[in-house]
C-alpha atoms as a PDB file:
ATOM      1  CA  MET A   1     -43.988 -26.122  30.988  1.00  0.00           C
ATOM      2  CA  LEU A   2     -44.655 -26.849  27.299  1.00  0.00           C
ATOM      3  CA  ALA A   3     -42.865 -24.607  24.806  1.00  0.00           C
ATOM      4  CA  PRO A   4     -45.189 -21.896  23.635  1.00  0.00           C
ATOM      5  CA  ARG A   5     -44.692 -22.685  19.963  1.00  0.00           C
ATOM      6  CA  TYR A   6     -46.348 -26.088  20.512  1.00  0.00           C
ATOM      7  CA  ALA A   7     -49.430 -24.740  22.348  1.00  0.00           C
ATOM      8  CA  VAL A   8     -51.600 -24.606  19.234  1.00  0.00           C
ATOM      9  CA  ALA A   9     -50.328 -27.970  18.047  1.00  0.00           C
ATOM     10  CA  VAL A  10     -51.266 -29.568  21.326  1.00  0.00           C
ATOM     11  CA  ALA A  11     -54.821 -28.333  21.058  1.00  0.00           C
ATOM     12  CA  VAL A  12     -55.163 -29.379  17.452  1.00  0.00           C
ATOM     13  CA  VAL A  13     -53.857 -32.957  17.832  1.00  0.00           C
ATOM     14  CA  GLY A  14     -55.347 -33.664  21.176  1.00  0.00           C
ATOM     15  CA  ALA A  15     -56.912 -36.917  19.888  1.00  0.00           C
ATOM     16  CA  VAL A  16     -53.569 -38.021  18.506  1.00  0.00           C
ATOM     17  CA  VAL A  17     -51.843 -37.375  21.810  1.00  0.00           C
ATOM     18  CA  ALA A  18     -53.914 -40.045  23.318  1.00  0.00           C
ATOM     19  CA  CYS A  19     -51.692 -42.488  21.418  1.00  0.00           C
ATOM     20  CA  THR A  20     -48.986 -41.867  23.958  1.00  0.00           C
ATOM     21  CA  ASP A  21     -51.265 -42.761  26.815  1.00  0.00           C
ATOM     22  CA  ALA A  22     -53.015 -45.733  25.427  1.00  0.00           C
ATOM     23  CA  PRO A  23     -51.567 -46.661  21.985  1.00  0.00           C
ATOM     24  CA  THR A  24     -52.606 -50.311  22.000  1.00  0.00           C
ATOM     25  CA  ALA A  25     -56.183 -49.696  22.919  1.00  0.00           C
ATOM     26  CA  LEU A  26     -56.505 -46.777  20.442  1.00  0.00           C
ATOM     27  CA  ARG A  27     -54.951 -48.600  17.590  1.00  0.00           C
ATOM     28  CA  SER A  28     -57.215 -51.665  18.232  1.00  0.00           C
ATOM     29  CA  SER A  29     -60.442 -49.523  18.458  1.00  0.00           C
ATOM     30  CA  LEU A  30     -59.522 -47.494  15.302  1.00  0.00           C
ATOM     31  CA  HIS A  31     -58.819 -50.705  13.351  1.00  0.00           C
ATOM     32  CA  GLN A  32     -62.317 -52.106  14.182  1.00  0.00           C
ATOM     33  CA  ARG A  33     -63.804 -48.897  12.792  1.00  0.00           C
ATOM     34  CA  ALA A  34     -62.295 -49.801   9.286  1.00  0.00           C
ATOM     35  CA  VAL A  35     -62.633 -53.426   8.265  1.00  0.00           C
ATOM     36  CA  SER A  36     -62.038 -56.704  10.029  1.00  0.00           C
ATOM     37  CA  THR A  37     -58.516 -58.047  10.165  1.00  0.00           C
ATOM     38  CA  PRO A  38     -57.994 -60.777   7.464  1.00  0.00           C
ATOM     39  CA  SER A  39     -57.398 -64.250   8.785  1.00  0.00           C
ATOM     40  CA  ASP A  40     -54.512 -64.884   6.422  1.00  0.00           C
ATOM     41  CA  PRO A  41     -51.859 -62.161   6.576  1.00  0.00           C
ATOM     42  CA  VAL A  42     -49.724 -63.797   3.916  1.00  0.00           C
ATOM     43  CA  ALA A  43     -52.570 -63.654   1.432  1.00  0.00           C
ATOM     44  CA  GLN A  44     -53.183 -60.058   2.425  1.00  0.00           C
ATOM     45  CA  ALA A  45     -49.620 -59.144   1.568  1.00  0.00           C
ATOM     46  CA  ALA A  46     -49.762 -61.002  -1.686  1.00  0.00           C
ATOM     47  CA  LEU A  47     -52.903 -59.084  -2.578  1.00  0.00           C
ATOM     48  CA  GLY A  48     -51.194 -55.817  -1.582  1.00  0.00           C
ATOM     49  CA  ARG A  49     -48.359 -56.710  -3.959  1.00  0.00           C
ATOM     50  CA  LEU A  50     -50.829 -57.094  -6.792  1.00  0.00           C
ATOM     51  CA  ILE A  51     -52.338 -53.724  -6.021  1.00  0.00           C
ATOM     52  CA  PHE A  52     -48.887 -52.145  -5.625  1.00  0.00           C
ATOM     53  CA  PHE A  53     -47.755 -53.021  -9.103  1.00  0.00           C
ATOM     54  CA  ASP A  54     -51.139 -52.600 -10.941  1.00  0.00           C
ATOM     55  CA  ALA A  55     -50.787 -49.787 -13.458  1.00  0.00           C
ATOM     56  CA  ARG A  56     -54.481 -49.977 -14.258  1.00  0.00           C
ATOM     57  CA  LEU A  57     -55.201 -48.097 -11.062  1.00  0.00           C
ATOM     58  CA  SER A  58     -54.416 -44.734 -12.627  1.00  0.00           C
ATOM     59  CA  PHE A  59     -56.255 -42.434 -14.974  1.00  0.00           C
ATOM     60  CA  ASN A  60     -54.438 -43.599 -18.151  1.00  0.00           C
ATOM     61  CA  GLU A  61     -53.811 -47.041 -16.800  1.00  0.00           C
ATOM     62  CA  ASN A  62     -50.031 -46.342 -17.049  1.00  0.00           C
ATOM     63  CA  GLN A  63     -48.818 -45.763 -13.466  1.00  0.00           C
ATOM     64  CA  SER A  64     -48.661 -47.955 -10.429  1.00  0.00           C
ATOM     65  CA  CYS A  65     -47.356 -47.417  -6.967  1.00  0.00           C
ATOM     66  CA  ALA A  66     -44.094 -48.891  -8.131  1.00  0.00           C
ATOM     67  CA  ALA A  67     -43.585 -46.147 -10.722  1.00  0.00           C
ATOM     68  CA  CYS A  68     -42.355 -43.875  -7.901  1.00  0.00           C
ATOM     69  CA  HIS A  69     -41.379 -46.685  -5.436  1.00  0.00           C
ATOM     70  CA  ASP A  70     -39.249 -48.874  -7.453  1.00  0.00           C
ATOM     71  CA  ALA A  71     -37.819 -52.158  -5.915  1.00  0.00           C
ATOM     72  CA  THR A  72     -34.472 -51.790  -7.621  1.00  0.00           C
ATOM     73  CA  SER A  73     -33.999 -48.162  -6.326  1.00  0.00           C
ATOM     74  CA  GLY A  74     -34.635 -48.611  -2.660  1.00  0.00           C
ATOM     75  CA  TRP A  75     -38.401 -48.332  -3.172  1.00  0.00           C
ATOM     76  CA  THR A  76     -38.258 -44.734  -4.278  1.00  0.00           C
ATOM     77  CA  GLY A  77     -38.080 -42.942  -7.632  1.00  0.00           C
ATOM     78  CA  PRO A  78     -36.003 -44.959 -10.210  1.00  0.00           C
ATOM     79  CA  GLN A  79     -35.074 -42.266 -12.675  1.00  0.00           C
ATOM     80  CA  SER A  80     -31.536 -40.994 -11.848  1.00  0.00           C
ATOM     81  CA  GLY A  81     -31.854 -37.958 -14.148  1.00  0.00           C
ATOM     82  CA  VAL A  82     -35.127 -36.883 -12.495  1.00  0.00           C
ATOM     83  CA  ASN A  83     -33.668 -37.348  -9.074  1.00  0.00           C
ATOM     84  CA  ALA A  84     -30.537 -35.337  -9.851  1.00  0.00           C
ATOM     85  CA  GLN A  85     -32.557 -32.429 -11.406  1.00  0.00           C
ATOM     86  CA  GLY A  86     -35.396 -32.073  -8.928  1.00  0.00           C
ATOM     87  CA  ALA A  87     -36.839 -35.504  -8.323  1.00  0.00           C
ATOM     88  CA  VAL A  88     -40.456 -34.469  -8.920  1.00  0.00           C
ATOM     89  CA  TYR A  89     -42.126 -37.271 -10.901  1.00  0.00           C
ATOM     90  CA  GLU A  90     -44.820 -36.984 -13.644  1.00  0.00           C
ATOM     91  CA  GLY A  91     -48.131 -38.564 -12.957  1.00  0.00           C
ATOM     92  CA  SER A  92     -50.484 -40.595 -15.044  1.00  0.00           C
ATOM     93  CA  ILE A  93     -51.640 -37.562 -16.927  1.00  0.00           C
ATOM     94  CA  ALA A  94     -48.776 -36.137 -18.990  1.00  0.00           C
ATOM     95  CA  GLY A  95     -47.604 -32.757 -17.935  1.00  0.00           C
ATOM     96  CA  ARG A  96     -48.809 -33.091 -14.378  1.00  0.00           C
ATOM     97  CA  PHE A  97     -46.050 -33.517 -11.787  1.00  0.00           C
ATOM     98  CA  GLY A  98     -46.245 -34.324  -8.171  1.00  0.00           C
ATOM     99  CA  ASN A  99     -45.703 -31.737  -5.461  1.00  0.00           C
ATOM    100  CA  ARG A 100     -42.892 -33.482  -3.607  1.00  0.00           C
ATOM    101  CA  ARG A 101     -40.170 -36.101  -4.151  1.00  0.00           C
ATOM    102  CA  PRO A 102     -41.315 -39.615  -3.444  1.00  0.00           C
ATOM    103  CA  PRO A 103     -40.029 -41.039  -0.129  1.00  0.00           C
ATOM    104  CA  SER A 104     -39.109 -44.639   0.117  1.00  0.00           C
ATOM    105  CA  SER A 105     -41.955 -46.984   0.943  1.00  0.00           C
ATOM    106  CA  ALA A 106     -39.423 -49.453   2.510  1.00  0.00           C
ATOM    107  CA  TYR A 107     -39.545 -49.597   6.389  1.00  0.00           C
ATOM    108  CA  ALA A 108     -42.407 -47.063   6.345  1.00  0.00           C
ATOM    109  CA  THR A 109     -44.792 -49.519   8.057  1.00  0.00           C
ATOM    110  CA  LEU A 110     -42.532 -49.342  11.126  1.00  0.00           C
ATOM    111  CA  SER A 111     -43.554 -45.745  11.737  1.00  0.00           C
ATOM    112  CA  PRO A 112     -46.038 -45.410  14.607  1.00  0.00           C
ATOM    113  CA  VAL A 113     -49.391 -43.553  14.596  1.00  0.00           C
ATOM    114  CA  LEU A 114     -48.571 -39.844  14.767  1.00  0.00           C
ATOM    115  CA  HIS A 115     -48.502 -38.575  18.337  1.00  0.00           C
ATOM    116  CA  LEU A 116     -46.828 -35.919  20.498  1.00  0.00           C
ATOM    117  CA  ALA A 117     -44.014 -37.133  22.847  1.00  0.00           C
ATOM    118  CA  LEU A 118     -42.648 -34.986  25.648  1.00  0.00           C
ATOM    119  CA  GLU A 119     -38.894 -34.773  25.892  1.00  0.00           C
ATOM    120  CA  LYS A 120     -37.049 -32.451  28.252  1.00  0.00           C
ATOM    121  CA  ASN A 121     -39.957 -30.052  28.579  1.00  0.00           C
ATOM    122  CA  ASP A 122     -40.309 -29.947  24.708  1.00  0.00           C
ATOM    123  CA  ALA A 123     -42.837 -31.613  22.523  1.00  0.00           C
ATOM    124  CA  LEU A 124     -41.917 -33.733  19.476  1.00  0.00           C
ATOM    125  CA  PHE A 125     -44.249 -35.069  16.771  1.00  0.00           C
ATOM    126  CA  VAL A 126     -43.447 -38.817  16.214  1.00  0.00           C
ATOM    127  CA  GLY A 127     -44.710 -41.131  13.522  1.00  0.00           C
ATOM    128  CA  GLY A 128     -47.004 -40.798  10.550  1.00  0.00           C
ATOM    129  CA  ASN A 129     -46.191 -41.144   6.760  1.00  0.00           C
ATOM    130  CA  PHE A 130     -45.460 -38.680   3.988  1.00  0.00           C
ATOM    131  CA  TRP A 131     -42.827 -36.006   4.405  1.00  0.00           C
ATOM    132  CA  ASP A 132     -45.183 -33.997   6.595  1.00  0.00           C
ATOM    133  CA  GLY A 133     -46.837 -36.827   8.518  1.00  0.00           C
ATOM    134  CA  ARG A 134     -50.327 -36.054   7.125  1.00  0.00           C
ATOM    135  CA  ALA A 135     -51.029 -39.784   6.883  1.00  0.00           C
ATOM    136  CA  THR A 136     -51.328 -39.951  10.646  1.00  0.00           C
ATOM    137  CA  GLY A 137     -52.620 -43.437  11.000  1.00  0.00           C
ATOM    138  CA  GLU A 138     -55.311 -42.167  13.317  1.00  0.00           C
ATOM    139  CA  ARG A 139     -58.153 -43.583  11.277  1.00  0.00           C
ATOM    140  CA  LEU A 140     -56.912 -46.989  10.210  1.00  0.00           C
ATOM    141  CA  ALA A 141     -54.257 -47.457  12.849  1.00  0.00           C
ATOM    142  CA  SER A 142     -51.671 -47.644  10.097  1.00  0.00           C
ATOM    143  CA  PRO A 143     -49.936 -44.553   8.698  1.00  0.00           C
ATOM    144  CA  SER A 144     -48.802 -46.669   5.698  1.00  0.00           C
ATOM    145  CA  ALA A 145     -52.349 -47.832   4.978  1.00  0.00           C
ATOM    146  CA  GLU A 146     -53.609 -44.279   4.903  1.00  0.00           C
ATOM    147  CA  GLN A 147     -50.527 -43.106   2.823  1.00  0.00           C
ATOM    148  CA  ALA A 148     -51.271 -45.705   0.214  1.00  0.00           C
ATOM    149  CA  LEU A 149     -54.734 -44.333  -0.467  1.00  0.00           C
ATOM    150  CA  GLY A 150     -53.480 -40.879  -1.249  1.00  0.00           C
ATOM    151  CA  PRO A 151     -51.781 -41.204  -4.655  1.00  0.00           C
ATOM    152  CA  PHE A 152     -54.717 -43.033  -6.232  1.00  0.00           C
ATOM    153  CA  LEU A 153     -56.887 -39.931  -5.907  1.00  0.00           C
ATOM    154  CA  ASN A 154     -54.170 -37.277  -6.266  1.00  0.00           C
ATOM    155  CA  PRO A 155     -54.741 -35.402  -9.710  1.00  0.00           C
ATOM    156  CA  LEU A 156     -51.086 -35.022  -9.952  1.00  0.00           C
ATOM    157  CA  GLU A 157     -50.258 -38.758  -9.495  1.00  0.00           C
ATOM    158  CA  GLN A 158     -52.518 -41.641 -10.362  1.00  0.00           C
ATOM    159  CA  ALA A 159     -55.491 -39.204 -10.796  1.00  0.00           C
ATOM    160  CA  LEU A 160     -58.540 -41.422 -10.377  1.00  0.00           C
ATOM    161  CA  ALA A 161     -61.660 -39.418  -9.403  1.00  0.00           C
ATOM    162  CA  THR A 162     -63.142 -41.389  -6.584  1.00  0.00           C
ATOM    163  CA  PRO A 163     -62.475 -44.420  -4.294  1.00  0.00           C
ATOM    164  CA  GLY A 164     -65.131 -46.213  -6.234  1.00  0.00           C
ATOM    165  CA  ASP A 165     -62.996 -45.903  -9.365  1.00  0.00           C
ATOM    166  CA  VAL A 166     -60.109 -47.724  -7.668  1.00  0.00           C
ATOM    167  CA  VAL A 167     -62.405 -50.399  -6.105  1.00  0.00           C
ATOM    168  CA  SER A 168     -64.291 -51.070  -9.350  1.00  0.00           C
ATOM    169  CA  ARG A 169     -61.157 -51.621 -11.267  1.00  0.00           C
ATOM    170  CA  ILE A 170     -59.994 -54.110  -8.676  1.00  0.00           C
ATOM    171  CA  CYS A 171     -63.254 -55.867  -8.607  1.00  0.00           C
ATOM    172  CA  ALA A 172     -63.409 -56.151 -12.406  1.00  0.00           C
ATOM    173  CA  GLY A 173     -59.684 -57.019 -12.803  1.00  0.00           C
ATOM    174  CA  PRO A 174     -57.452 -60.047 -12.876  1.00  0.00           C
ATOM    175  CA  TYR A 175     -57.107 -60.586  -9.196  1.00  0.00           C
ATOM    176  CA  THR A 176     -60.786 -60.131  -8.077  1.00  0.00           C
ATOM    177  CA  GLU A 177     -60.809 -63.498  -6.506  1.00  0.00           C
ATOM    178  CA  GLN A 178     -57.786 -62.763  -4.378  1.00  0.00           C
ATOM    179  CA  PHE A 179     -59.389 -59.492  -3.191  1.00  0.00           C
ATOM    180  CA  THR A 180     -62.714 -61.117  -2.272  1.00  0.00           C
ATOM    181  CA  ALA A 181     -60.963 -64.137  -0.630  1.00  0.00           C
ATOM    182  CA  VAL A 182     -59.018 -61.873   1.661  1.00  0.00           C
ATOM    183  CA  TRP A 183     -61.780 -59.345   2.434  1.00  0.00           C
ATOM    184  CA  GLY A 184     -65.081 -60.985   1.541  1.00  0.00           C
ATOM    185  CA  THR A 185     -67.290 -60.783  -1.566  1.00  0.00           C
ATOM    186  CA  ASP A 186     -69.428 -58.062  -0.025  1.00  0.00           C
ATOM    187  CA  LEU A 187     -66.604 -55.463  -0.521  1.00  0.00           C
ATOM    188  CA  CYS A 188     -67.268 -55.540  -4.293  1.00  0.00           C
ATOM    189  CA  ASP A 189     -70.757 -54.275  -3.643  1.00  0.00           C
ATOM    190  CA  PRO A 190     -70.813 -50.541  -4.474  1.00  0.00           C
ATOM    191  CA  ALA A 191     -72.663 -49.903  -1.219  1.00  0.00           C
ATOM    192  CA  ASN A 192     -69.496 -50.970   0.570  1.00  0.00           C
ATOM    193  CA  VAL A 193     -66.977 -48.789  -1.294  1.00  0.00           C
ATOM    194  CA  THR A 194     -65.692 -46.991   1.707  1.00  0.00           C
ATOM    195  CA  ARG A 195     -64.812 -50.171   3.501  1.00  0.00           C
ATOM    196  CA  ALA A 196     -63.340 -51.675   0.290  1.00  0.00           C
ATOM    197  CA  TYR A 197     -61.134 -48.673  -0.240  1.00  0.00           C
ATOM    198  CA  ASP A 198     -59.750 -48.973   3.290  1.00  0.00           C
ATOM    199  CA  ALA A 199     -59.093 -52.585   2.584  1.00  0.00           C
ATOM    200  CA  VAL A 200     -57.019 -51.507  -0.529  1.00  0.00           C
ATOM    201  CA  GLY A 201     -54.857 -49.342   1.747  1.00  0.00           C
ATOM    202  CA  LEU A 202     -54.459 -52.033   4.421  1.00  0.00           C
ATOM    203  CA  SER A 203     -53.524 -54.584   1.725  1.00  0.00           C
ATOM    204  CA  VAL A 204     -50.795 -52.332   0.322  1.00  0.00           C
ATOM    205  CA  ALA A 205     -49.501 -51.684   3.795  1.00  0.00           C
ATOM    206  CA  ALA A 206     -49.357 -55.393   4.445  1.00  0.00           C
ATOM    207  CA  PHE A 207     -47.149 -55.870   1.404  1.00  0.00           C
ATOM    208  CA  GLU A 208     -44.945 -52.841   2.426  1.00  0.00           C
ATOM    209  CA  GLY A 209     -44.474 -54.520   5.729  1.00  0.00           C
ATOM    210  CA  SER A 210     -43.442 -57.797   4.214  1.00  0.00           C
ATOM    211  CA  ALA A 211     -39.843 -59.120   4.033  1.00  0.00           C
ATOM    212  CA  GLU A 212     -39.747 -58.233   0.307  1.00  0.00           C
ATOM    213  CA  SER A 213     -39.909 -54.520   1.276  1.00  0.00           C
ATOM    214  CA  ASN A 214     -38.550 -54.436   4.832  1.00  0.00           C
ATOM    215  CA  ALA A 215     -35.609 -56.653   3.935  1.00  0.00           C
ATOM    216  CA  PHE A 216     -32.835 -55.574   6.366  1.00  0.00           C
ATOM    217  CA  THR A 217     -30.283 -56.987   3.962  1.00  0.00           C
ATOM    218  CA  SER A 218     -27.773 -54.252   3.826  1.00  0.00           C
ATOM    219  CA  LYS A 219     -24.101 -54.834   4.761  1.00  0.00           C
ATOM    220  CA  PHE A 220     -24.635 -52.940   7.945  1.00  0.00           C
ATOM    221  CA  ASP A 221     -27.435 -55.334   8.912  1.00  0.00           C
ATOM    222  CA  SER A 222     -25.175 -58.235   8.240  1.00  0.00           C
ATOM    223  CA  TYR A 223     -22.510 -56.443  10.396  1.00  0.00           C
ATOM    224  CA  MET A 224     -25.002 -56.022  13.176  1.00  0.00           C
ATOM    225  CA  ARG A 225     -25.775 -59.735  13.014  1.00  0.00           C
ATOM    226  CA  GLY A 226     -22.121 -60.512  13.231  1.00  0.00           C
ATOM    227  CA  VAL A 227     -21.775 -62.117   9.818  1.00  0.00           C
ATOM    228  CA  ALA A 228     -20.012 -59.301   8.069  1.00  0.00           C
ATOM    229  CA  ARG A 229     -16.856 -57.124   8.769  1.00  0.00           C
ATOM    230  CA  LEU A 230     -16.570 -53.444   8.130  1.00  0.00           C
ATOM    231  CA  THR A 231     -13.590 -52.061   6.325  1.00  0.00           C
ATOM    232  CA  HIS A 232     -11.235 -49.671   8.110  1.00  0.00           C
ATOM    233  CA  GLU A 233     -12.837 -46.717   6.289  1.00  0.00           C
ATOM    234  CA  GLU A 234     -16.331 -47.977   7.208  1.00  0.00           C
ATOM    235  CA  GLN A 235     -15.362 -48.430  10.866  1.00  0.00           C
ATOM    236  CA  GLN A 236     -14.079 -44.877  10.861  1.00  0.00           C
ATOM    237  CA  GLY A 237     -17.378 -43.627   9.278  1.00  0.00           C
ATOM    238  CA  LEU A 238     -19.379 -45.509  11.911  1.00  0.00           C
ATOM    239  CA  ARG A 239     -17.432 -43.803  14.650  1.00  0.00           C
ATOM    240  CA  LEU A 240     -18.156 -40.427  13.167  1.00  0.00           C
ATOM    241  CA  PHE A 241     -21.771 -41.400  12.592  1.00  0.00           C
ATOM    242  CA  LYS A 242     -22.148 -42.246  16.278  1.00  0.00           C
ATOM    243  CA  GLY A 243     -19.859 -39.560  17.558  1.00  0.00           C
ATOM    244  CA  LYS A 244     -18.566 -36.196  16.213  1.00  0.00           C
ATOM    245  CA  ALA A 245     -21.051 -36.048  13.294  1.00  0.00           C
ATOM    246  CA  LYS A 246     -24.018 -36.710  15.559  1.00  0.00           C
ATOM    247  CA  CYS A 247     -25.918 -38.595  12.813  1.00  0.00           C
ATOM    248  CA  ALA A 248     -27.170 -41.175  15.283  1.00  0.00           C
ATOM    249  CA  GLY A 249     -28.974 -38.568  17.239  1.00  0.00           C
ATOM    250  CA  CYS A 250     -31.788 -38.859  14.626  1.00  0.00           C
ATOM    251  CA  HIS A 251     -30.697 -41.880  12.627  1.00  0.00           C
ATOM    252  CA  VAL A 252     -30.858 -44.232  15.506  1.00  0.00           C
ATOM    253  CA  LEU A 253     -29.008 -47.566  15.343  1.00  0.00           C
ATOM    254  CA  ASP A 254     -31.767 -49.726  16.915  1.00  0.00           C
ATOM    255  CA  GLY A 255     -35.590 -49.831  17.001  1.00  0.00           C
ATOM    256  CA  GLY A 256     -36.272 -52.559  14.413  1.00  0.00           C
ATOM    257  CA  PRO A 257     -38.525 -55.544  15.035  1.00  0.00           C
ATOM    258  CA  ASN A 258     -35.468 -57.648  16.060  1.00  0.00           C
ATOM    259  CA  GLY A 259     -33.208 -54.845  17.181  1.00  0.00           C
ATOM    260  CA  GLU A 260     -32.181 -53.757  13.654  1.00  0.00           C
ATOM    261  CA  ALA A 261     -31.003 -50.263  12.939  1.00  0.00           C
ATOM    262  CA  LEU A 262     -33.966 -48.159  11.674  1.00  0.00           C
ATOM    263  CA  PHE A 263     -31.839 -45.149  11.090  1.00  0.00           C
ATOM    264  CA  THR A 264     -34.788 -42.954  12.170  1.00  0.00           C
ATOM    265  CA  ASP A 265     -36.426 -41.734  15.307  1.00  0.00           C
ATOM    266  CA  PHE A 266     -39.584 -40.964  13.330  1.00  0.00           C
ATOM    267  CA  THR A 267     -39.544 -37.283  14.462  1.00  0.00           C
ATOM    268  CA  TYR A 268     -39.841 -34.155  12.498  1.00  0.00           C
ATOM    269  CA  ASP A 269     -36.743 -31.818  12.263  1.00  0.00           C
ATOM    270  CA  ASN A 270     -35.542 -28.610  10.786  1.00  0.00           C
ATOM    271  CA  ILE A 271     -32.776 -30.053   8.634  1.00  0.00           C
ATOM    272  CA  GLY A 272     -31.232 -26.766   7.608  1.00  0.00           C
ATOM    273  CA  GLY A 273     -32.973 -26.419   4.354  1.00  0.00           C
ATOM    274  CA  SER A 274     -33.493 -23.284   2.300  1.00  0.00           C
ATOM    275  CA  ALA A 275     -35.720 -20.548   3.552  1.00  0.00           C
ATOM    276  CA  ALA A 276     -37.873 -21.141   0.519  1.00  0.00           C
ATOM    277  CA  LEU A 277     -39.238 -24.235   2.272  1.00  0.00           C
ATOM    278  CA  GLY A 278     -40.964 -22.023   4.844  1.00  0.00           C
ATOM    279  CA  ARG A 279     -43.221 -23.789   7.303  1.00  0.00           C
ATOM    280  CA  VAL A 280     -42.834 -27.075   5.396  1.00  0.00           C
ATOM    281  CA  ARG A 281     -39.105 -27.103   6.496  1.00  0.00           C
ATOM    282  CA  GLU A 282     -40.312 -27.274  10.139  1.00  0.00           C
ATOM    283  CA  GLY A 283     -42.189 -30.507   9.538  1.00  0.00           C
ATOM    284  CA  LEU A 284     -39.846 -32.566   7.398  1.00  0.00           C
ATOM    285  CA  ARG A 285     -38.821 -35.813   8.899  1.00  0.00           C
ATOM    286  CA  ALA A 286     -35.181 -36.621   9.420  1.00  0.00           C
ATOM    287  CA  GLN A 287     -34.537 -38.826   6.463  1.00  0.00           C
ATOM    288  CA  TRP A 288     -34.351 -42.501   7.180  1.00  0.00           C
ATOM    289  CA  LEU A 289     -33.563 -44.406   4.028  1.00  0.00           C
ATOM    290  CA  PHE A 290     -29.954 -45.303   4.863  1.00  0.00           C
ATOM    291  CA  GLN A 291     -30.981 -48.871   4.728  1.00  0.00           C
ATOM    292  CA  ASP A 292     -29.472 -50.372   1.540  1.00  0.00           C
ATOM    293  CA  ALA A 293     -28.181 -47.034   0.473  1.00  0.00           C
ATOM    294  CA  ARG A 294     -25.330 -46.809  -2.028  1.00  0.00           C
ATOM    295  CA  GLY A 295     -23.592 -43.627  -3.058  1.00  0.00           C
ATOM    296  CA  ASP A 296     -24.165 -44.258  -6.789  1.00  0.00           C
ATOM    297  CA  ARG A 297     -27.858 -45.045  -6.457  1.00  0.00           C
ATOM    298  CA  PRO A 298     -30.607 -42.481  -7.089  1.00  0.00           C
ATOM    299  CA  LEU A 299     -31.936 -42.584  -3.380  1.00  0.00           C
ATOM    300  CA  LEU A 300     -33.207 -39.408  -1.880  1.00  0.00           C
ATOM    301  CA  GLN A 301     -31.725 -38.342   1.377  1.00  0.00           C
ATOM    302  CA  HIS A 302     -32.649 -35.732   3.909  1.00  0.00           C
ATOM    303  CA  ALA A 303     -36.297 -35.234   2.950  1.00  0.00           C
ATOM    304  CA  GLY A 304     -35.501 -35.738  -0.724  1.00  0.00           C
ATOM    305  CA  ARG A 305     -33.312 -32.706  -0.991  1.00  0.00           C
ATOM    306  CA  ALA A 306     -30.097 -34.591  -1.519  1.00  0.00           C
ATOM    307  CA  SER A 307     -30.021 -37.163  -4.493  1.00  0.00           C
ATOM    308  CA  SER A 308     -27.263 -39.362  -3.203  1.00  0.00           C
ATOM    309  CA  LEU A 309     -25.660 -40.498   0.053  1.00  0.00           C
ATOM    310  CA  PRO A 310     -22.474 -38.439  -0.312  1.00  0.00           C
ATOM    311  CA  ARG A 311     -24.556 -35.335  -0.943  1.00  0.00           C
ATOM    312  CA  SER A 312     -26.694 -35.955   2.086  1.00  0.00           C
ATOM    313  CA  VAL A 313     -23.625 -36.189   4.269  1.00  0.00           C
ATOM    314  CA  HIS A 314     -22.213 -32.906   2.844  1.00  0.00           C
ATOM    315  CA  ARG A 315     -25.517 -31.264   3.197  1.00  0.00           C
ATOM    316  CA  GLY A 316     -25.747 -32.217   6.827  1.00  0.00           C
ATOM    317  CA  SER A 317     -22.269 -31.136   7.642  1.00  0.00           C
ATOM    318  CA  GLY A 318     -22.377 -27.834   5.857  1.00  0.00           C
ATOM    319  CA  PRO A 319     -23.562 -24.377   6.860  1.00  0.00           C
ATOM    320  CA  GLY A 320     -27.002 -24.551   8.424  1.00  0.00           C
ATOM    321  CA  GLY A 321     -26.837 -28.341   8.773  1.00  0.00           C
ATOM    322  CA  ARG A 322     -27.689 -30.135  12.035  1.00  0.00           C
ATOM    323  CA  MET A 323     -24.351 -32.107  12.146  1.00  0.00           C
ATOM    324  CA  LEU A 324     -21.002 -30.788  13.268  1.00  0.00           C
ATOM    325  CA  ALA A 325     -18.618 -30.032  10.479  1.00  0.00           C
ATOM    326  CA  LEU A 326     -16.161 -32.895  10.095  1.00  0.00           C
ATOM    327  CA  ALA A 327     -13.067 -30.854   9.254  1.00  0.00           C
END
């Protein structure tokens, strides 16, 4: 019998639950409702990169996707001081700050369409993008594509007013030819703005799914491939990670396209945050950016509430945390 606390959720997301029954068919049909798949995925990813780094696609033409998803900072916020003191970033309009800390865009494309999965007579939400999974992927068959469309129109972020504002700037910009070559000249027709805007999201997702973003180049990846050795301290940490600390219960050591460690099961967990988080706490995903993580870098761990890897470990092992204390 399904746990009572999930009864309403099951009713609300009934259409998404179908993903567990026929994910391939559903993803295919949803994709057909958006725009046709480009014949050249490399060109699509290259176009997505241009969009990702284009600061013109903001109210004051001063903020791109990369402003909060910086390549040199694990594809998340690059300002160490901001991360250490709260990690909420200012948008295109001065004085307006985002609601939540920016998650990493790296490896986000590997998250499936949001669905419910039954496990030991309980139900788990799996997949989606954003901290709360509101970019479900249900419409475009890609959570990352739907996520990419959000910040352009968020008044606290890039702050453009309409999808047409985004599309018109692309169609009058320096890479118009690349856009129309990938998606067709008709998408710059104002009558097709809805399809064109979907194409923008799908292009960004293609870039985020490229090897530049999903690099799998950490030392642990090299260790998994048998081309690097762990130090004694690292081996001890891995034993704790898989054993007593119970990290691997959520940060799984497989699941990648070629068996790489994804360090996430894409579920949503109460991570022992403060009561002030309220209902939001119940929906925060177990943080998954341990790929390429370094203790001295401004990466945001455990749903963005820990500004470094050591703080994340201490947070998880402390009072209220989901891990066992290591003492």
